[in-house]
PDB file of N, CA and C in Angstrom:
ATOM      1  N   MET A   1     156.109 141.497 121.681  1.00  0.00           N
ATOM      2  CA  MET A   1     154.499 140.004 121.636  1.00  0.00           C
ATOM      3  C   MET A   1     154.697 139.794 123.236  1.00  0.00           C
ATOM      4  N   ALA A   2     152.978 138.997 122.605  1.00  0.00           N
ATOM      5  CA  ALA A   2     152.000 138.834 124.430  1.00  0.00           C
ATOM      6  C   ALA A   2     152.837 138.162 124.605  1.00  0.00           C
ATOM      7  N   PRO A   3     152.750 137.742 126.350  1.00  0.00           N
ATOM      8  CA  PRO A   3     153.333 136.858 127.329  1.00  0.00           C
ATOM      9  C   PRO A   3     152.075 135.928 126.916  1.00  0.00           C
ATOM     10  N   ARG A   4     152.753 134.112 127.304  1.00  0.00           N
ATOM     11  CA  ARG A   4     152.454 133.088 127.051  1.00  0.00           C
ATOM     12  C   ARG A   4     151.355 132.984 127.583  1.00  0.00           C
ATOM     13  N   GLY A   5     150.482 132.302 127.183  1.00  0.00           N
ATOM     14  CA  GLY A   5     149.120 132.610 127.856  1.00  0.00           C
ATOM     15  C   GLY A   5     148.503 134.054 127.482  1.00  0.00           C
ATOM     16  N   PHE A   6     148.627 134.517 126.794  1.00  0.00           N
ATOM     17  CA  PHE A   6     147.750 136.191 127.389  1.00  0.00           C
ATOM     18  C   PHE A   6     147.085 135.465 125.674  1.00  0.00           C
ATOM     19  N   THR A   7     145.409 135.579 126.419  1.00  0.00           N
ATOM     20  CA  THR A   7     144.548 135.754 124.133  1.00  0.00           C
ATOM     21  C   THR A   7     143.812 137.082 124.313  1.00  0.00           C
ATOM     22  N   GLY A   8     143.550 136.648 123.325  1.00  0.00           N
ATOM     23  CA  GLY A   8     142.438 138.068 122.852  1.00  0.00           C
ATOM     24  C   GLY A   8     141.435 138.592 123.444  1.00  0.00           C
ATOM     25  N   SER A   9     141.421 137.670 124.369  1.00  0.00           N
ATOM     26  CA  SER A   9     140.177 137.874 124.797  1.00  0.00           C
ATOM     27  C   SER A   9     139.687 138.791 126.411  1.00  0.00           C
ATOM     28  N   GLN A  10     141.432 138.556 126.904  1.00  0.00           N
ATOM     29  CA  GLN A  10     141.972 139.007 128.423  1.00  0.00           C
ATOM     30  C   GLN A  10     142.422 140.452 128.063  1.00  0.00           C
ATOM     31  N   ALA A  11     143.000 140.937 126.292  1.00  0.00           N
ATOM     32  CA  ALA A  11     143.313 142.473 125.574  1.00  0.00           C
ATOM     33  C   ALA A  11     142.493 143.181 125.723  1.00  0.00           C
ATOM     34  N   ALA A  12     140.631 142.235 125.415  1.00  0.00           N
ATOM     35  CA  ALA A  12     139.824 143.126 125.153  1.00  0.00           C
ATOM     36  C   ALA A  12     138.965 143.425 125.947  1.00  0.00           C
ATOM     37  N   GLN A  13     139.525 142.588 127.609  1.00  0.00           N
ATOM     38  CA  GLN A  13     138.989 142.985 129.014  1.00  0.00           C
ATOM     39  C   GLN A  13     139.985 144.681 129.404  1.00  0.00           C
ATOM     40  N   GLY A  14     141.312 144.529 129.242  1.00  0.00           N
ATOM     41  CA  GLY A  14     142.204 145.134 129.663  1.00  0.00           C
ATOM     42  C   GLY A  14     141.699 145.888 128.903  1.00  0.00           C
ATOM     43  N   LEU A  15     141.189 146.771 127.549  1.00  0.00           N
ATOM     44  CA  LEU A  15     140.841 147.516 126.583  1.00  0.00           C
ATOM     45  C   LEU A  15     139.546 148.353 127.267  1.00  0.00           C
ATOM     46  N   GLY A  16     139.447 146.985 127.329  1.00  0.00           N
ATOM     47  CA  GLY A  16     137.466 148.288 128.444  1.00  0.00           C
ATOM     48  C   GLY A  16     137.824 148.556 129.488  1.00  0.00           C
ATOM     49  N   TRP A  17     138.385 148.198 129.718  1.00  0.00           N
ATOM     50  CA  TRP A  17     138.417 148.388 131.502  1.00  0.00           C
ATOM     51  C   TRP A  17     139.656 149.796 131.408  1.00  0.00           C
ATOM     52  N   LEU A  18     140.335 149.794 130.786  1.00  0.00           N
ATOM     53  CA  LEU A  18     141.728 150.685 130.473  1.00  0.00           C
ATOM     54  C   LEU A  18     139.929 152.326 129.517  1.00  0.00           C
ATOM     55  N   LEU A  19     139.397 152.692 128.544  1.00  0.00           N
ATOM     56  CA  LEU A  19     137.948 152.496 128.278  1.00  0.00           C
ATOM     57  C   LEU A  19     137.119 153.686 129.396  1.00  0.00           C
ATOM     58  N   ARG A  20     136.861 152.281 130.319  1.00  0.00           N
ATOM     59  CA  ARG A  20     135.961 153.064 131.188  1.00  0.00           C
ATOM     60  C   ARG A  20     136.244 153.363 131.896  1.00  0.00           C
ATOM     61  N   ALA A  21     138.042 153.676 132.380  1.00  0.00           N
ATOM     62  CA  ALA A  21     139.340 154.769 133.511  1.00  0.00           C
ATOM     63  C   ALA A  21     138.415 156.010 132.991  1.00  0.00           C
ATOM     64  N   LYS A  22     139.205 155.712 131.707  1.00  0.00           N
ATOM     65  CA  LYS A  22     138.970 157.033 131.581  1.00  0.00           C
ATOM     66  C   LYS A  22     138.197 158.129 131.188  1.00  0.00           C
ATOM     67  N   HIS A  23     136.592 157.731 130.451  1.00  0.00           N
ATOM     68  CA  HIS A  23     135.520 158.057 130.175  1.00  0.00           C
ATOM     69  C   HIS A  23     134.327 158.077 131.146  1.00  0.00           C
ATOM     70  N   ASP A  24     134.785 157.547 132.212  1.00  0.00           N
ATOM     71  CA  ASP A  24     133.421 156.832 133.824  1.00  0.00           C
ATOM     72  C   ASP A  24     133.181 158.340 133.511  1.00  0.00           C
ATOM     73  N   GLY A  25     133.886 159.692 134.011  1.00  0.00           N
ATOM     74  CA  GLY A  25     133.449 160.197 133.954  1.00  0.00           C
ATOM     75  C   GLY A  25     132.644 161.369 133.364  1.00  0.00           C
ATOM     76  N   LEU A  26     133.109 160.778 131.792  1.00  0.00           N
ATOM     77  CA  LEU A  26     131.734 161.612 131.244  1.00  0.00           C
ATOM     78  C   LEU A  26     130.214 160.866 130.669  1.00  0.00           C
ATOM     79  N   LEU A  27     130.812 159.738 130.911  1.00  0.00           N
ATOM     80  CA  LEU A  27     128.893 158.907 130.764  1.00  0.00           C
ATOM     81  C   LEU A  27     128.278 159.125 132.126  1.00  0.00           C
ATOM     82  N   ARG A  28     128.727 159.653 133.579  1.00  0.00           N
ATOM     83  CA  ARG A  28     127.657 159.770 133.986  1.00  0.00           C
ATOM     84  C   ARG A  28     126.897 161.692 134.391  1.00  0.00           C
ATOM     85  N   GLU A  29     128.047 162.218 133.582  1.00  0.00           N
ATOM     86  CA  GLU A  29     127.461 163.636 133.226  1.00  0.00           C
ATOM     87  C   GLU A  29     125.398 163.468 133.051  1.00  0.00           C
ATOM     88  N   PRO A  30     125.187 164.457 132.865  1.00  0.00           N
ATOM     89  CA  PRO A  30     123.941 164.022 132.859  1.00  0.00           C
ATOM     90  C   PRO A  30     123.582 165.345 131.038  1.00  0.00           C
ATOM     91  N   LEU A  31     122.743 164.748 130.409  1.00  0.00           N
ATOM     92  CA  LEU A  31     122.543 164.974 128.833  1.00  0.00           C
ATOM     93  C   LEU A  31     122.416 166.211 128.753  1.00  0.00           C
ATOM     94  N   PRO A  32     122.702 167.731 128.354  1.00  0.00           N
ATOM     95  CA  PRO A  32     122.583 168.269 127.682  1.00  0.00           C
ATOM     96  C   PRO A  32     121.339 168.609 128.304  1.00  0.00           C
ATOM     97  N   ASP A  33     120.635 169.924 128.612  1.00  0.00           N
ATOM     98  CA  ASP A  33     119.426 170.539 127.735  1.00  0.00           C
ATOM     99  C   ASP A  33     118.627 170.190 126.976  1.00  0.00           C
ATOM    100  N   LYS A  34     119.577 170.643 126.418  1.00  0.00           N
ATOM    101  CA  LYS A  34     118.297 170.973 124.864  1.00  0.00           C
ATOM    102  C   LYS A  34     118.657 169.227 123.666  1.00  0.00           C
ATOM    103  N   TRP A  35     119.231 168.217 124.302  1.00  0.00           N
ATOM    104  CA  TRP A  35     119.133 167.287 123.840  1.00  0.00           C
ATOM    105  C   TRP A  35     117.899 166.464 124.589  1.00  0.00           C
ATOM    106  N   VAL A  36     117.848 167.050 125.597  1.00  0.00           N
ATOM    107  CA  VAL A  36     116.333 166.524 127.117  1.00  0.00           C
ATOM    108  C   VAL A  36     115.127 166.963 126.292  1.00  0.00           C
ATOM    109  N   GLU A  37     115.054 168.857 125.586  1.00  0.00           N
ATOM    110  CA  GLU A  37     114.216 169.021 125.102  1.00  0.00           C
ATOM    111  C   GLU A  37     113.864 168.584 123.955  1.00  0.00           C
ATOM    112  N   LEU A  38     114.968 168.226 123.227  1.00  0.00           N
ATOM    113  CA  LEU A  38     114.737 167.313 121.790  1.00  0.00           C
ATOM    114  C   LEU A  38     114.654 166.058 121.784  1.00  0.00           C
ATOM    115  N   ILE A  39     114.625 165.050 122.858  1.00  0.00           N
ATOM    116  CA  ILE A  39     114.115 163.466 122.715  1.00  0.00           C
ATOM    117  C   ILE A  39     112.809 163.541 123.104  1.00  0.00           C
ATOM    118  N   ASN A  40     112.412 164.773 124.089  1.00  0.00           N
ATOM    119  CA  ASN A  40     110.704 165.513 124.971  1.00  0.00           C
ATOM    120  C   ASN A  40     110.223 165.153 123.357  1.00  0.00           C
ATOM    121  N   CYS A  41     110.384 166.153 122.622  1.00  0.00           N
ATOM    122  CA  CYS A  41     110.006 167.160 121.209  1.00  0.00           C
ATOM    123  C   CYS A  41     109.475 165.728 120.405  1.00  0.00           C
ATOM    124  N   LEU A  42     111.092 164.501 119.911  1.00  0.00           N
ATOM    125  CA  LEU A  42     110.035 163.460 119.654  1.00  0.00           C
ATOM    126  C   LEU A  42     109.434 162.992 120.121  1.00  0.00           C
ATOM    127  N   ASP A  43     109.574 162.351 121.503  1.00  0.00           N
ATOM    128  CA  ASP A  43     109.106 161.376 121.850  1.00  0.00           C
ATOM    129  C   ASP A  43     106.976 162.085 121.429  1.00  0.00           C
ATOM    130  N   ASP A  44     106.839 163.677 122.003  1.00  0.00           N
ATOM    131  CA  ASP A  44     105.582 164.480 121.858  1.00  0.00           C
ATOM    132  C   ASP A  44     105.123 163.863 120.775  1.00  0.00           C
ATOM    133  N   LYS A  45     105.919 164.032 119.274  1.00  0.00           N
ATOM    134  CA  LYS A  45     106.004 163.545 117.654  1.00  0.00           C
ATOM    135  C   LYS A  45     105.253 162.628 117.225  1.00  0.00           C
ATOM    136  N   LYS A  46     105.803 161.598 118.414  1.00  0.00           N
ATOM    137  CA  LYS A  46     105.679 159.588 117.854  1.00  0.00           C
ATOM    138  C   LYS A  46     104.104 159.513 117.903  1.00  0.00           C
ATOM    139  N   ARG A  47     104.497 160.181 119.993  1.00  0.00           N
ATOM    140  CA  ARG A  47     102.535 160.183 120.525  1.00  0.00           C
ATOM    141  C   ARG A  47     101.200 160.618 119.823  1.00  0.00           C
ATOM    142  N   GLU A  48     101.750 161.584 119.128  1.00  0.00           N
ATOM    143  CA  GLU A  48     100.778 162.089 118.462  1.00  0.00           C
ATOM    144  C   GLU A  48     100.628 161.821 117.352  1.00  0.00           C
ATOM    145  N   ARG A  49     101.533 161.088 116.613  1.00  0.00           N
ATOM    146  CA  ARG A  49     101.289 160.151 115.014  1.00  0.00           C
ATOM    147  C   ARG A  49     100.730 159.057 115.899  1.00  0.00           C
ATOM    148  N   LEU A  50     100.942 158.210 116.729  1.00  0.00           N
ATOM    149  CA  LEU A  50     100.110 156.981 117.209  1.00  0.00           C
ATOM    150  C   LEU A  50      99.348 157.285 117.615  1.00  0.00           C
ATOM    151  N   ILE A  51      98.271 158.573 118.084  1.00  0.00           N
ATOM    152  CA  ILE A  51      96.919 158.831 118.649  1.00  0.00           C
ATOM    153  C   ILE A  51      96.673 158.607 117.283  1.00  0.00           C
ATOM    154  N   GLY A  52      96.920 159.467 116.191  1.00  0.00           N
ATOM    155  CA  GLY A  52      96.368 159.755 114.850  1.00  0.00           C
ATOM    156  C   GLY A  52      95.921 158.654 114.395  1.00  0.00           C
ATOM    157  N   GLU A  53      96.935 157.534 114.117  1.00  0.00           N
ATOM    158  CA  GLU A  53      96.997 156.211 113.288  1.00  0.00           C
ATOM    159  C   GLU A  53      96.081 155.289 113.401  1.00  0.00           C
ATOM    160  N   LEU A  54      96.189 155.156 115.058  1.00  0.00           N
ATOM    161  CA  LEU A  54      95.291 153.833 116.400  1.00  0.00           C
ATOM    162  C   LEU A  54      93.562 154.799 116.125  1.00  0.00           C
ATOM    163  N   SER A  55      93.267 156.510 115.906  1.00  0.00           N
ATOM    164  CA  SER A  55      91.999 157.159 115.713  1.00  0.00           C
ATOM    165  C   SER A  55      91.584 157.054 117.245  1.00  0.00           C
ATOM    166  N   LEU A  56      92.613 157.086 118.110  1.00  0.00           N
ATOM    167  CA  LEU A  56      92.185 157.521 119.852  1.00  0.00           C
ATOM    168  C   LEU A  56      92.460 158.726 119.550  1.00  0.00           C
ATOM    169  N   ASP A  57      91.303 158.819 120.514  1.00  0.00           N
ATOM    170  CA  ASP A  57      91.065 160.486 121.074  1.00  0.00           C
ATOM    171  C   ASP A  57      91.941 160.668 122.759  1.00  0.00           C
ATOM    172  N   LYS A  58      92.004 161.775 122.567  1.00  0.00           N
ATOM    173  CA  LYS A  58      93.457 162.503 123.719  1.00  0.00           C
ATOM    174  C   LYS A  58      93.343 162.436 124.704  1.00  0.00           C
ATOM    175  N   ASP A  59      91.755 162.489 125.115  1.00  0.00           N
ATOM    176  CA  ASP A  59      91.196 162.048 126.141  1.00  0.00           C
ATOM    177  C   ASP A  59      91.268 160.408 126.521  1.00  0.00           C
ATOM    178  N   ASP A  60      91.286 160.170 126.185  1.00  0.00           N
ATOM    179  CA  ASP A  60      91.490 158.701 126.328  1.00  0.00           C
ATOM    180  C   ASP A  60      92.881 157.993 126.277  1.00  0.00           C
ATOM    181  N   VAL A  61      93.652 158.496 125.776  1.00  0.00           N
ATOM    182  CA  VAL A  61      95.213 158.162 126.468  1.00  0.00           C
ATOM    183  C   VAL A  61      96.206 159.288 127.271  1.00  0.00           C
ATOM    184  N   THR A  62      96.131 158.548 128.134  1.00  0.00           N
ATOM    185  CA  THR A  62      96.636 159.536 129.158  1.00  0.00           C
ATOM    186  C   THR A  62      98.521 159.052 129.396  1.00  0.00           C
ATOM    187  N   ASP A  63      98.585 157.985 129.157  1.00  0.00           N
ATOM    188  CA  ASP A  63     100.433 157.608 129.387  1.00  0.00           C
ATOM    189  C   ASP A  63     100.658 156.518 128.572  1.00  0.00           C
ATOM    190  N   LEU A  64     100.037 157.207 126.820  1.00  0.00           N
ATOM    191  CA  LEU A  64     100.850 156.031 125.582  1.00  0.00           C
ATOM    192  C   LEU A  64     102.455 156.459 126.121  1.00  0.00           C
ATOM    193  N   LYS A  65     102.976 154.983 126.000  1.00  0.00           N
ATOM    194  CA  LYS A  65     104.355 154.922 125.714  1.00  0.00           C
ATOM    195  C   LYS A  65     105.288 154.916 124.864  1.00  0.00           C
ATOM    196  N   CYS A  66     105.395 155.436 123.976  1.00  0.00           N
ATOM    197  CA  CYS A  66     106.154 154.831 122.773  1.00  0.00           C
ATOM    198  C   CYS A  66     108.014 154.447 122.936  1.00  0.00           C
TER     199      CYS A  66
END
């Protein structure tokens, strides 16, 4: 049984602290190179699709952010 005055909110906060302590190192690791390559490929494909949909000239679009 939980101590008197102990709330669900406090339990959730304590669980959050435990999970962060356990996984903090993993969260700070860089993404694997293959994931970065995949993300860049998807960004390029999305950029190309948007350029085509908007009938833009590739030379006029240098910093299209997707």
